PDB file of N, CA and C in Angstrom:
ATOM      1  N   MET A   1      -8.551   6.093  -2.977  1.00  0.00           N
ATOM      2  CA  MET A   1      -7.251   5.706  -3.449  1.00  0.00           C
ATOM      3  C   MET A   1      -6.626   6.847  -4.240  1.00  0.00           C
ATOM      4  N   LEU A   2      -5.352   6.945  -4.107  1.00  0.00           N
ATOM      5  CA  LEU A   2      -4.601   7.973  -4.816  1.00  0.00           C
ATOM      6  C   LEU A   2      -3.891   7.331  -5.996  1.00  0.00           C
ATOM      7  N   HIS A   3      -4.072   7.885  -7.185  1.00  0.00           N
ATOM      8  CA  HIS A   3      -3.396   7.419  -8.388  1.00  0.00           C
ATOM      9  C   HIS A   3      -2.836   8.631  -9.121  1.00  0.00           C
ATOM     10  N   ILE A   4      -1.543   8.625  -9.378  1.00  0.00           N
ATOM     11  CA  ILE A   4      -0.901   9.705 -10.120  1.00  0.00           C
ATOM     12  C   ILE A   4      -0.137   9.074 -11.278  1.00  0.00           C
ATOM     13  N   LYS A   5      -0.585   9.342 -12.488  1.00  0.00           N
ATOM     14  CA  LYS A   5       0.103   8.824 -13.664  1.00  0.00           C
ATOM     15  C   LYS A   5       1.237   9.778 -14.009  1.00  0.00           C
ATOM     16  N   VAL A   6       2.462   9.309 -13.829  1.00  0.00           N
ATOM     17  CA  VAL A   6       3.648  10.123 -14.087  1.00  0.00           C
ATOM     18  C   VAL A   6       3.938  10.160 -15.581  1.00  0.00           C
ATOM     19  N   ASN A   7       3.899   8.994 -16.211  1.00  0.00           N
ATOM     20  CA  ASN A   7       4.057   8.883 -17.655  1.00  0.00           C
ATOM     21  C   ASN A   7       3.447   7.546 -18.086  1.00  0.00           C
ATOM     22  N   GLU A   8       3.659   7.153 -19.326  1.00  0.00           N
ATOM     23  CA  GLU A   8       3.060   5.915 -19.836  1.00  0.00           C
ATOM     24  C   GLU A   8       3.519   4.672 -19.076  1.00  0.00           C
ATOM     25  N   ASP A   9       4.709   4.732 -18.474  1.00  0.00           N
ATOM     26  CA  ASP A   9       5.289   3.565 -17.814  1.00  0.00           C
ATOM     27  C   ASP A   9       5.233   3.602 -16.293  1.00  0.00           C
ATOM     28  N   LEU A  10       4.806   4.713 -15.717  1.00  0.00           N
ATOM     29  CA  LEU A  10       4.901   4.856 -14.267  1.00  0.00           C
ATOM     30  C   LEU A  10       3.616   5.413 -13.668  1.00  0.00           C
ATOM     31  N   LEU A  11       3.065   4.663 -12.723  1.00  0.00           N
ATOM     32  CA  LEU A  11       1.877   5.070 -11.982  1.00  0.00           C
ATOM     33  C   LEU A  11       2.215   5.018 -10.497  1.00  0.00           C
ATOM     34  N   LEU A  12       2.045   6.124  -9.802  1.00  0.00           N
ATOM     35  CA  LEU A  12       2.207   6.153  -8.354  1.00  0.00           C
ATOM     36  C   LEU A  12       0.819   5.989  -7.749  1.00  0.00           C
ATOM     37  N   ARG A  13       0.699   5.093  -6.761  1.00  0.00           N
ATOM     38  CA  ARG A  13      -0.600   4.867  -6.139  1.00  0.00           C
ATOM     39  C   ARG A  13      -0.412   4.453  -4.691  1.00  0.00           C
ATOM     40  N   THR A  14      -1.480   4.590  -3.936  1.00  0.00           N
ATOM     41  CA  THR A  14      -1.453   4.114  -2.562  1.00  0.00           C
ATOM     42  C   THR A  14      -1.423   2.592  -2.572  1.00  0.00           C
ATOM     43  N   TYR A  15      -0.869   2.034  -1.509  1.00  0.00           N
ATOM     44  CA  TYR A  15      -0.886   0.582  -1.366  1.00  0.00           C
ATOM     45  C   TYR A  15      -2.315   0.096  -1.213  1.00  0.00           C
ATOM     46  N   GLU A  16      -2.526  -1.167  -1.575  1.00  0.00           N
ATOM     47  CA  GLU A  16      -3.790  -1.845  -1.352  1.00  0.00           C
ATOM     48  C   GLU A  16      -3.473  -3.107  -0.550  1.00  0.00           C
ATOM     49  N   ALA A  17      -4.447  -3.646   0.142  1.00  0.00           N
ATOM     50  CA  ALA A  17      -4.219  -4.822   0.983  1.00  0.00           C
ATOM     51  C   ALA A  17      -3.566  -5.964   0.204  1.00  0.00           C
ATOM     52  N   GLU A  18      -3.882  -6.080  -1.078  1.00  0.00           N
ATOM     53  CA  GLU A  18      -3.313  -7.139  -1.915  1.00  0.00           C
ATOM     54  C   GLU A  18      -1.807  -6.988  -2.103  1.00  0.00           C
ATOM     55  N   ASP A  19      -1.253  -5.825  -1.781  1.00  0.00           N
ATOM     56  CA  ASP A  19       0.175  -5.568  -1.941  1.00  0.00           C
ATOM     57  C   ASP A  19       0.998  -6.059  -0.749  1.00  0.00           C
ATOM     58  N   ALA A  20       0.352  -6.581   0.279  1.00  0.00           N
ATOM     59  CA  ALA A  20       1.035  -6.905   1.538  1.00  0.00           C
ATOM     60  C   ALA A  20       2.172  -7.914   1.358  1.00  0.00           C
ATOM     61  N   GLU A  21       1.953  -8.947   0.588  1.00  0.00           N
ATOM     62  CA  GLU A  21       2.989  -9.982   0.429  1.00  0.00           C
ATOM     63  C   GLU A  21       4.236  -9.420  -0.257  1.00  0.00           C
ATOM     64  N   GLU A  22       4.032  -8.681  -1.327  1.00  0.00           N
ATOM     65  CA  GLU A  22       5.175  -8.095  -2.030  1.00  0.00           C
ATOM     66  C   GLU A  22       5.862  -7.030  -1.176  1.00  0.00           C
ATOM     67  N   LEU A  23       5.078  -6.220  -0.471  1.00  0.00           N
ATOM     68  CA  LEU A  23       5.652  -5.208   0.413  1.00  0.00           C
ATOM     69  C   LEU A  23       6.509  -5.867   1.490  1.00  0.00           C
ATOM     70  N   PHE A  24       6.006  -6.936   2.103  1.00  0.00           N
ATOM     71  CA  PHE A  24       6.781  -7.620   3.129  1.00  0.00           C
ATOM     72  C   PHE A  24       8.089  -8.157   2.565  1.00  0.00           C
ATOM     73  N   ALA A  25       8.060  -8.739   1.389  1.00  0.00           N
ATOM     74  CA  ALA A  25       9.270  -9.292   0.785  1.00  0.00           C
ATOM     75  C   ALA A  25      10.323  -8.206   0.559  1.00  0.00           C
ATOM     76  N   VAL A  26       9.903  -7.051   0.083  1.00  0.00           N
ATOM     77  CA  VAL A  26      10.840  -5.947  -0.156  1.00  0.00           C
ATOM     78  C   VAL A  26      11.389  -5.404   1.166  1.00  0.00           C
ATOM     79  N   ILE A  27      10.525  -5.250   2.150  1.00  0.00           N
ATOM     80  CA  ILE A  27      10.963  -4.775   3.469  1.00  0.00           C
ATOM     81  C   ILE A  27      11.956  -5.756   4.072  1.00  0.00           C
ATOM     82  N   HIS A  28      11.625  -7.026   4.045  1.00  0.00           N
ATOM     83  CA  HIS A  28      12.489  -8.048   4.656  1.00  0.00           C
ATOM     84  C   HIS A  28      13.875  -8.056   4.005  1.00  0.00           C
ATOM     85  N   LYS A  29      13.912  -7.930   2.707  1.00  0.00           N
ATOM     86  CA  LYS A  29      15.185  -7.939   1.968  1.00  0.00           C
ATOM     87  C   LYS A  29      16.030  -6.704   2.252  1.00  0.00           C
ATOM     88  N   ASN A  30      15.400  -5.585   2.627  1.00  0.00           N
ATOM     89  CA  ASN A  30      16.098  -4.302   2.752  1.00  0.00           C
ATOM     90  C   ASN A  30      16.005  -3.677   4.136  1.00  0.00           C
ATOM     91  N   ARG A  31      15.801  -4.482   5.164  1.00  0.00           N
ATOM     92  CA  ARG A  31      15.606  -3.969   6.527  1.00  0.00           C
ATOM     93  C   ARG A  31      16.687  -2.987   6.976  1.00  0.00           C
ATOM     94  N   GLU A  32      17.926  -3.370   6.836  1.00  0.00           N
ATOM     95  CA  GLU A  32      19.030  -2.533   7.326  1.00  0.00           C
ATOM     96  C   GLU A  32      19.009  -1.158   6.679  1.00  0.00           C
ATOM     97  N   HIS A  33      18.762  -1.119   5.385  1.00  0.00           N
ATOM     98  CA  HIS A  33      18.736   0.148   4.668  1.00  0.00           C
ATOM     99  C   HIS A  33      17.516   0.997   5.044  1.00  0.00           C
ATOM    100  N   LEU A  34      16.376   0.376   5.249  1.00  0.00           N
ATOM    101  CA  LEU A  34      15.131   1.105   5.511  1.00  0.00           C
ATOM    102  C   LEU A  34      14.972   1.565   6.957  1.00  0.00           C
ATOM    103  N   ARG A  35      15.596   0.851   7.867  1.00  0.00           N
ATOM    104  CA  ARG A  35      15.397   1.092   9.307  1.00  0.00           C
ATOM    105  C   ARG A  35      15.510   2.566   9.732  1.00  0.00           C
ATOM    106  N   PRO A  36      16.501   3.329   9.257  1.00  0.00           N
ATOM    107  CA  PRO A  36      16.601   4.730   9.710  1.00  0.00           C
ATOM    108  C   PRO A  36      15.417   5.613   9.324  1.00  0.00           C
ATOM    109  N   TRP A  37      14.691   5.238   8.279  1.00  0.00           N
ATOM    110  CA  TRP A  37      13.616   6.102   7.780  1.00  0.00           C
ATOM    111  C   TRP A  37      12.220   5.593   8.094  1.00  0.00           C
ATOM    112  N   LEU A  38      12.086   4.304   8.301  1.00  0.00           N
ATOM    113  CA  LEU A  38      10.764   3.731   8.531  1.00  0.00           C
ATOM    114  C   LEU A  38      10.735   3.081   9.905  1.00  0.00           C
ATOM    115  N   LEU A  39      10.143   3.766  10.853  1.00  0.00           N
ATOM    116  CA  LEU A  39      10.163   3.320  12.247  1.00  0.00           C
ATOM    117  C   LEU A  39       9.462   1.988  12.463  1.00  0.00           C
ATOM    118  N   TRP A  40       8.574   1.604  11.568  1.00  0.00           N
ATOM    119  CA  TRP A  40       7.800   0.381  11.736  1.00  0.00           C
ATOM    120  C   TRP A  40       8.469  -0.857  11.146  1.00  0.00           C
ATOM    121  N   VAL A  41       9.662  -0.704  10.546  1.00  0.00           N
ATOM    122  CA  VAL A  41      10.328  -1.839   9.888  1.00  0.00           C
ATOM    123  C   VAL A  41      10.557  -3.005  10.852  1.00  0.00           C
ATOM    124  N   ASP A  42      11.055  -2.746  12.042  1.00  0.00           N
ATOM    125  CA  ASP A  42      11.346  -3.829  12.984  1.00  0.00           C
ATOM    126  C   ASP A  42      10.083  -4.514  13.491  1.00  0.00           C
ATOM    127  N   ALA A  43       8.981  -3.804  13.483  1.00  0.00           N
ATOM    128  CA  ALA A  43       7.720  -4.394  13.934  1.00  0.00           C
ATOM    129  C   ALA A  43       7.054  -5.209  12.826  1.00  0.00           C
ATOM    130  N   THR A  44       7.584  -5.125  11.629  1.00  0.00           N
ATOM    131  CA  THR A  44       7.018  -5.853  10.493  1.00  0.00           C
ATOM    132  C   THR A  44       7.733  -7.189  10.351  1.00  0.00           C
ATOM    133  N   GLN A  45       7.128  -8.217  10.906  1.00  0.00           N
ATOM    134  CA  GLN A  45       7.739  -9.548  10.933  1.00  0.00           C
ATOM    135  C   GLN A  45       6.962 -10.587  10.129  1.00  0.00           C
ATOM    136  N   SER A  46       5.863 -10.168   9.493  1.00  0.00           N
ATOM    137  CA  SER A  46       5.048 -11.104   8.718  1.00  0.00           C
ATOM    138  C   SER A  46       4.253 -10.343   7.662  1.00  0.00           C
ATOM    139  N   VAL A  47       3.698 -11.086   6.736  1.00  0.00           N
ATOM    140  CA  VAL A  47       2.830 -10.486   5.718  1.00  0.00           C
ATOM    141  C   VAL A  47       1.639  -9.811   6.398  1.00  0.00           C
ATOM    142  N   LYS A  48       1.121 -10.427   7.454  1.00  0.00           N
ATOM    143  CA  LYS A  48      -0.009  -9.843   8.203  1.00  0.00           C
ATOM    144  C   LYS A  48       0.366  -8.465   8.762  1.00  0.00           C
ATOM    145  N   ASP A  49       1.604  -8.322   9.244  1.00  0.00           N
ATOM    146  CA  ASP A  49       2.070  -7.023   9.738  1.00  0.00           C
ATOM    147  C   ASP A  49       2.081  -5.995   8.607  1.00  0.00           C
ATOM    148  N   SER A  50       2.549  -6.394   7.435  1.00  0.00           N
ATOM    149  CA  SER A  50       2.564  -5.480   6.291  1.00  0.00           C
ATOM    150  C   SER A  50       1.151  -5.083   5.891  1.00  0.00           C
ATOM    151  N   GLU A  51       0.243  -6.037   5.952  1.00  0.00           N
ATOM    152  CA  GLU A  51      -1.156  -5.726   5.639  1.00  0.00           C
ATOM    153  C   GLU A  51      -1.702  -4.690   6.627  1.00  0.00           C
ATOM    154  N   GLN A  52      -1.347  -4.816   7.895  1.00  0.00           N
ATOM    155  CA  GLN A  52      -1.819  -3.850   8.892  1.00  0.00           C
ATOM    156  C   GLN A  52      -1.229  -2.469   8.645  1.00  0.00           C
ATOM    157  N   VAL A  53       0.038  -2.400   8.247  1.00  0.00           N
ATOM    158  CA  VAL A  53       0.652  -1.111   7.897  1.00  0.00           C
ATOM    159  C   VAL A  53      -0.122  -0.465   6.757  1.00  0.00           C
ATOM    160  N   ILE A  54      -0.466  -1.265   5.766  1.00  0.00           N
ATOM    161  CA  ILE A  54      -1.230  -0.749   4.629  1.00  0.00           C
ATOM    162  C   ILE A  54      -2.598  -0.243   5.082  1.00  0.00           C
ATOM    163  N   LEU A  55      -3.305  -1.039   5.869  1.00  0.00           N
ATOM    164  CA  LEU A  55      -4.638  -0.631   6.337  1.00  0.00           C
ATOM    165  C   LEU A  55      -4.564   0.628   7.195  1.00  0.00           C
ATOM    166  N   ASP A  56      -3.545   0.717   8.053  1.00  0.00           N
ATOM    167  CA  ASP A  56      -3.364   1.922   8.870  1.00  0.00           C
ATOM    168  C   ASP A  56      -3.102   3.138   7.988  1.00  0.00           C
ATOM    169  N   SER A  57      -2.276   2.965   6.969  1.00  0.00           N
ATOM    170  CA  SER A  57      -1.961   4.076   6.058  1.00  0.00           C
ATOM    171  C   SER A  57      -3.199   4.534   5.305  1.00  0.00           C
ATOM    172  N   LEU A  58      -3.998   3.585   4.842  1.00  0.00           N
ATOM    173  CA  LEU A  58      -5.230   3.942   4.133  1.00  0.00           C
ATOM    174  C   LEU A  58      -6.200   4.670   5.056  1.00  0.00           C
ATOM    175  N   TYR A  59      -6.270   4.243   6.308  1.00  0.00           N
ATOM    176  CA  TYR A  59      -7.129   4.924   7.272  1.00  0.00           C
ATOM    177  C   TYR A  59      -6.643   6.360   7.507  1.00  0.00           C
ATOM    178  N   GLN A  60      -5.330   6.538   7.635  1.00  0.00           N
ATOM    179  CA  GLN A  60      -4.780   7.879   7.834  1.00  0.00           C
ATOM    180  C   GLN A  60      -5.073   8.761   6.625  1.00  0.00           C
ATOM    181  N   LEU A  61      -4.970   8.189   5.431  1.00  0.00           N
ATOM    182  CA  LEU A  61      -5.277   8.963   4.219  1.00  0.00           C
ATOM    183  C   LEU A  61      -6.754   9.363   4.217  1.00  0.00           C
ATOM    184  N   GLU A  62      -7.613   8.419   4.540  1.00  0.00           N
ATOM    185  CA  GLU A  62      -9.066   8.663   4.553  1.00  0.00           C
ATOM    186  C   GLU A  62      -9.459   9.722   5.591  1.00  0.00           C
ATOM    187  N   THR A  63      -8.831   9.695   6.743  1.00  0.00           N
ATOM    188  CA  THR A  63      -9.183  10.630   7.813  1.00  0.00           C
ATOM    189  C   THR A  63      -8.323  11.891   7.812  1.00  0.00           C
ATOM    190  N   GLU A  64      -7.449  11.989   6.800  1.00  0.00           N
ATOM    191  CA  GLU A  64      -6.529  13.126   6.679  1.00  0.00           C
ATOM    192  C   GLU A  64      -5.709  13.302   7.956  1.00  0.00           C
ATOM    193  N   ASP A  65      -5.231  12.179   8.484  1.00  0.00           N
ATOM    194  CA  ASP A  65      -4.459  12.172   9.721  1.00  0.00           C
ATOM    195  C   ASP A  65      -3.076  11.556   9.496  1.00  0.00           C
ATOM    196  N   GLY A  66      -2.508  11.786   8.348  1.00  0.00           N
ATOM    197  CA  GLY A  66      -1.184  11.261   8.028  1.00  0.00           C
ATOM    198  C   GLY A  66      -0.989  11.247   6.529  1.00  0.00           C
ATOM    199  N   ILE A  67       0.138  10.694   6.144  1.00  0.00           N
ATOM    200  CA  ILE A  67       0.444  10.641   4.705  1.00  0.00           C
ATOM    201  C   ILE A  67      -0.071   9.356   4.138  1.00  0.00           C
TER     202      ILE A  67
END
């Protein structure tokens, strides 16, 4: 896992599977705005889809095959 403490109030970190529900809610609310930058937005239709995006991202980080 990646954790970068920016200051006392801000921590940047990789997503974890537990973040899937909140991630889906934010994506769903902002689809139109996010679509040009995140190619997977339209394929994300459920919390399970968001969880898979997170797991794929963690795998890419682990294998150094993506961001």
